[in-house]
Protein backbone atom coordinates (compact mmCIF):
# COMPACT_ATOMS: atom_id res chain seq x y z
CA MET A 1 -0.09 -0.04 0.02
CA ASN A 2 1.31 3.42 -0.87
CA SER A 3 2.09 5.80 1.91
CA PRO A 4 0.35 9.20 2.28
CA SER A 5 3.66 10.81 1.53
CA ALA A 6 4.10 8.75 -1.81
CA GLU A 7 0.48 9.72 -2.94
CA LEU A 8 1.17 13.25 -2.15
CA LEU A 9 4.43 13.14 -4.19
CA ARG A 10 2.78 11.35 -7.00
CA HIS A 11 -0.14 13.81 -7.04
CA ALA A 12 2.24 16.73 -7.14
CA VAL A 13 4.14 15.38 -10.13
CA GLY A 14 0.89 14.39 -11.95
CA GLY A 15 2.06 10.86 -13.15
CA ALA A 16 5.29 9.30 -14.14
CA VAL A 17 8.59 10.84 -12.87
CA ASP A 18 11.01 11.58 -15.75
CA GLY A 19 14.01 11.63 -13.48
CA VAL A 20 15.60 12.97 -10.36
CA ILE A 21 17.89 15.94 -9.64
CA PHE A 22 19.99 15.95 -6.59
CA ASP A 23 21.74 18.69 -4.61
CA CYS A 24 25.37 17.79 -4.02
CA ASP A 25 26.48 19.07 -0.66
CA GLY A 26 24.61 17.56 2.24
CA VAL A 27 22.63 15.23 -0.11
CA LEU A 28 25.26 13.36 -2.13
CA VAL A 29 28.27 13.99 0.18
CA ASP A 30 28.26 14.79 3.85
CA SER A 31 30.19 17.96 3.49
CA GLU A 32 27.97 20.66 4.96
CA ARG A 33 29.34 20.42 8.57
CA ILE A 34 33.03 20.23 7.11
CA SER A 35 32.72 23.20 4.88
CA ASN A 36 30.83 25.36 7.30
CA GLY A 37 33.28 24.34 10.17
CA THR A 38 36.16 25.39 7.86
CA TRP A 39 34.35 28.71 6.99
CA ALA A 40 33.58 29.53 10.57
CA LEU A 41 37.14 29.16 11.67
CA LEU A 42 38.35 31.26 8.98
CA LEU A 43 35.79 34.06 9.66
CA THR A 44 36.61 33.94 13.27
CA GLU A 45 40.41 34.51 12.28
CA ILE A 46 39.44 37.62 10.27
CA GLY A 47 37.51 39.15 13.10
CA LEU A 48 33.83 37.84 12.63
CA PRO A 49 33.61 35.26 15.53
CA MET A 50 31.47 32.38 14.21
CA THR A 51 30.46 28.78 15.19
CA MET A 52 29.78 25.96 12.70
CA GLU A 53 26.16 26.00 13.84
CA GLN A 54 25.97 29.78 13.14
CA SER A 55 27.53 29.26 9.63
CA LEU A 56 25.13 26.61 8.83
CA GLY A 57 22.25 28.85 9.76
CA ILE A 58 23.58 31.97 7.73
CA PHE A 59 25.42 30.49 4.77
CA MET A 60 24.20 26.93 4.08
CA GLY A 61 22.92 26.64 0.49
CA ASN A 62 24.42 30.01 -0.74
CA SER A 63 26.96 30.37 -3.52
CA MET A 64 30.46 31.42 -2.43
CA PRO A 65 30.13 34.94 -4.05
CA ARG A 66 26.96 35.36 -1.97
CA CYS A 67 28.70 34.15 1.20
CA VAL A 68 31.34 36.79 0.71
CA ALA A 69 28.49 39.46 0.14
CA ILE A 70 26.88 38.26 3.43
CA VAL A 71 30.24 38.56 5.21
CA THR A 72 30.68 42.06 3.79
CA GLU A 73 27.29 43.02 5.04
CA MET A 74 27.93 41.62 8.53
CA MET A 75 31.58 43.20 8.90
CA GLY A 76 30.58 46.55 7.50
CA HIS A 77 33.40 46.26 5.26
CA ALA A 78 35.00 44.06 2.57
CA PRO A 79 36.88 40.90 3.94
CA PRO A 80 40.44 40.39 3.01
CA ASP A 81 40.89 39.79 -0.78
CA ASP A 82 42.35 36.40 -0.19
CA LEU A 83 39.46 35.03 1.85
CA LEU A 84 38.05 32.67 -0.89
CA ALA A 85 41.50 31.41 -1.79
CA ARG A 86 42.24 30.66 1.84
CA PHE A 87 38.95 29.01 2.30
CA THR A 88 39.45 26.90 -0.81
CA ALA A 89 42.85 25.72 0.31
CA ASN A 90 41.68 24.84 3.88
CA VAL A 91 38.33 23.17 2.85
CA THR A 92 40.20 21.02 0.21
CA VAL A 93 42.38 19.48 3.00
CA ALA A 94 39.54 19.07 5.25
CA LEU A 95 37.28 17.28 2.62
CA GLN A 96 40.07 15.12 1.46
CA ARG A 97 40.72 14.04 4.98
CA ASP A 98 37.04 13.56 6.37
CA LEU A 99 34.56 13.59 3.59
CA LYS A 100 32.09 10.49 3.19
CA PRO A 101 29.00 9.92 1.16
CA VAL A 102 25.75 10.77 2.78
CA ASP A 103 24.41 7.67 4.60
CA GLY A 104 22.11 5.79 2.31
CA ILE A 105 22.89 7.70 -1.00
CA VAL A 106 24.76 4.63 -2.60
CA ALA A 107 21.95 2.24 -2.07
CA LEU A 108 19.44 4.79 -3.37
CA LEU A 109 21.49 5.44 -6.55
CA ASP A 110 21.85 1.57 -7.01
CA THR A 111 17.99 1.35 -6.71
CA LEU A 112 17.53 4.11 -9.24
CA ASP A 113 19.96 2.47 -11.60
CA ALA A 114 18.21 -0.89 -11.38
CA ALA A 115 14.85 0.85 -11.89
CA GLY A 116 16.07 2.68 -14.98
CA MET A 117 15.37 6.03 -13.26
CA PRO A 118 17.75 8.66 -14.60
CA TYR A 119 19.22 11.33 -12.40
CA GLY A 120 21.81 14.23 -12.19
CA VAL A 121 23.26 16.71 -9.75
CA ALA A 122 22.75 20.54 -9.59
CA SER A 123 24.95 22.41 -7.18
CA ASN A 124 25.71 25.96 -6.39
CA GLY A 125 29.16 24.77 -5.98
CA GLU A 126 31.74 24.96 -8.59
CA HIS A 127 32.44 22.12 -11.11
CA GLU A 128 36.07 21.72 -9.48
CA LYS A 129 34.39 21.24 -6.11
CA MET A 130 32.12 18.54 -7.24
CA ARG A 131 34.82 16.82 -8.94
CA THR A 132 36.81 16.86 -5.67
CA THR A 133 33.94 15.92 -3.41
CA LEU A 134 32.32 13.29 -5.74
CA GLY A 135 35.67 11.85 -6.52
CA LYS A 136 36.70 11.45 -2.87
CA THR A 137 33.38 9.63 -2.13
CA GLY A 138 33.54 7.32 -5.21
CA LEU A 139 30.48 8.96 -6.81
CA LEU A 140 32.05 10.86 -9.59
CA SER A 141 31.53 8.30 -12.49
CA ARG A 142 27.86 7.95 -11.51
CA PHE A 143 27.47 11.59 -12.54
CA GLU A 144 29.57 11.82 -15.79
CA GLY A 145 27.73 14.25 -18.11
CA LYS A 146 25.29 14.85 -15.43
CA ARG A 147 26.88 17.53 -13.21
CA PHE A 148 25.47 21.07 -13.55
CA SER A 149 26.81 24.13 -11.48
CA ALA A 150 25.45 27.61 -10.81
CA VAL A 151 28.57 28.90 -12.72
CA ASP A 152 26.90 27.42 -15.95
CA VAL A 153 24.03 29.82 -15.80
CA GLY A 154 25.25 32.62 -13.75
CA LYS A 155 22.38 32.78 -11.24
CA PRO A 156 22.67 30.58 -8.09
CA LYS A 157 19.88 29.09 -6.20
CA PRO A 158 17.27 30.20 -5.10
CA ALA A 159 16.90 31.32 -8.72
CA PRO A 160 15.40 28.62 -10.79
CA ASP A 161 17.81 28.75 -13.70
CA LEU A 162 20.17 26.01 -12.56
CA PHE A 163 17.25 23.49 -12.36
CA VAL A 164 15.73 24.57 -15.53
CA HIS A 165 19.20 24.21 -17.22
CA ALA A 166 19.86 20.78 -15.69
CA ALA A 167 16.40 19.47 -16.67
CA ARG A 168 16.81 20.62 -20.22
CA ALA A 169 20.28 18.94 -20.58
CA LEU A 170 18.87 15.73 -19.00
CA GLY A 171 15.73 15.73 -21.17
CA PHE A 172 13.34 15.98 -18.13
CA ASP A 173 10.16 17.82 -18.18
CA PRO A 174 10.31 20.21 -15.19
CA ALA A 175 6.74 19.22 -14.23
CA ARG A 176 7.81 15.52 -14.04
CA THR A 177 11.10 16.10 -12.25
CA VAL A 178 11.76 15.35 -8.60
CA VAL A 179 14.47 17.27 -6.70
CA VAL A 180 16.13 16.17 -3.49
CA GLU A 181 17.31 19.28 -1.58
CA ASP A 182 18.44 19.91 1.94
CA SER A 183 18.58 23.64 2.14
CA PRO A 184 15.52 26.17 1.86
CA LEU A 185 17.30 28.03 -0.72
CA GLY A 186 17.49 24.87 -2.90
CA VAL A 187 13.97 24.02 -2.24
CA GLN A 188 12.89 27.58 -3.23
CA GLY A 189 14.76 27.32 -6.59
CA ALA A 190 13.50 23.99 -7.48
CA THR A 191 9.88 25.05 -6.60
CA ALA A 192 10.42 28.13 -8.77
CA ALA A 193 11.56 25.88 -11.62
CA GLY A 194 8.04 24.15 -11.35
CA MET A 195 9.55 20.88 -9.97
CA THR A 196 8.30 18.68 -6.96
CA VAL A 197 10.85 18.66 -4.16
CA ILE A 198 11.68 16.06 -1.67
CA GLY A 199 13.29 17.78 1.39
CA TYR A 200 16.08 15.86 3.21
CA ALA A 201 15.92 17.11 6.71
CA GLU A 202 19.14 16.00 8.14
CA ILE A 203 20.30 19.44 9.07
CA VAL A 204 17.49 21.71 8.31
CA SER A 205 14.16 20.78 9.98
CA GLY A 206 11.44 19.30 7.88
CA GLU A 207 9.34 22.24 8.93
CA ARG A 208 11.51 24.85 7.42
CA LEU A 209 12.03 22.77 4.18
CA ARG A 210 8.13 22.36 3.90
CA ALA A 211 7.84 26.18 4.50
CA ALA A 212 10.17 26.70 1.50
CA GLY A 213 8.08 24.60 -0.79
CA ALA A 214 9.04 20.89 -0.37
CA VAL A 215 6.07 18.61 -0.90
CA VAL A 216 7.41 15.88 1.50
CA THR A 217 10.34 15.54 3.74
CA VAL A 218 12.52 12.56 4.81
CA ASP A 219 14.93 12.15 7.57
CA ARG A 220 16.59 9.25 5.89
CA LEU A 221 17.59 9.00 2.10
CA SER A 222 16.62 5.38 2.25
CA ASP A 223 12.86 6.59 2.24
CA VAL A 224 13.31 8.33 -1.15
CA ALA A 225 13.02 5.13 -3.25
CA GLY A 226 9.77 4.30 -1.68
CA LEU A 227 8.29 7.80 -2.30
CA LEU A 228 9.38 7.49 -5.95
CA GLY A 229 7.77 4.02 -6.32
CA VAL A 230 10.93 2.17 -7.09
CA GLY A 231 11.83 0.92 -3.76
């Protein structure tokens, strides 16, 4: 028997699902705490005291240029010119040391492959970052030719442009595309693109993700296959 959440998702999509678009950080790779911890330490060093938890609340889901703009607003002046370069160097070391796939994602991708359900990834992060994180976690080959970055379109989430671009490249009808997102900004962008969103509530609460537009939320990625009718 289908669950109420599965019925809700199926009703939102209006029938068969063309495919799935995943966010990268926090959905495919368990990088949000690593990245935000690194960012918080760096901001503290330059005179803006910050904890990892505060960084997650303020910066999660934003593009790095937008993060710098937020820092500028908070400090009342521009941060050091080398801020992004220092962050990139520091976070690369941390990711290479500590990064793992998000719990349940490998099994979910296996299930989608077995069911013939196509998928891709759309991230505010740059392509080089995706190559690093997906490569470290053994997921890179699963997304060859199916990786899309906000730099491709010039407008990061919450603008819908990245999702529209990804769906067009993958051959998905936006109305029949399901997106798995873990940040309100990502949920807003996918919803604005006319897509149906499953919110992954591992860091951000399900309530906040639903308020941003997620049709259903899950606490475990292992629940996604069932919602899609392929588990």
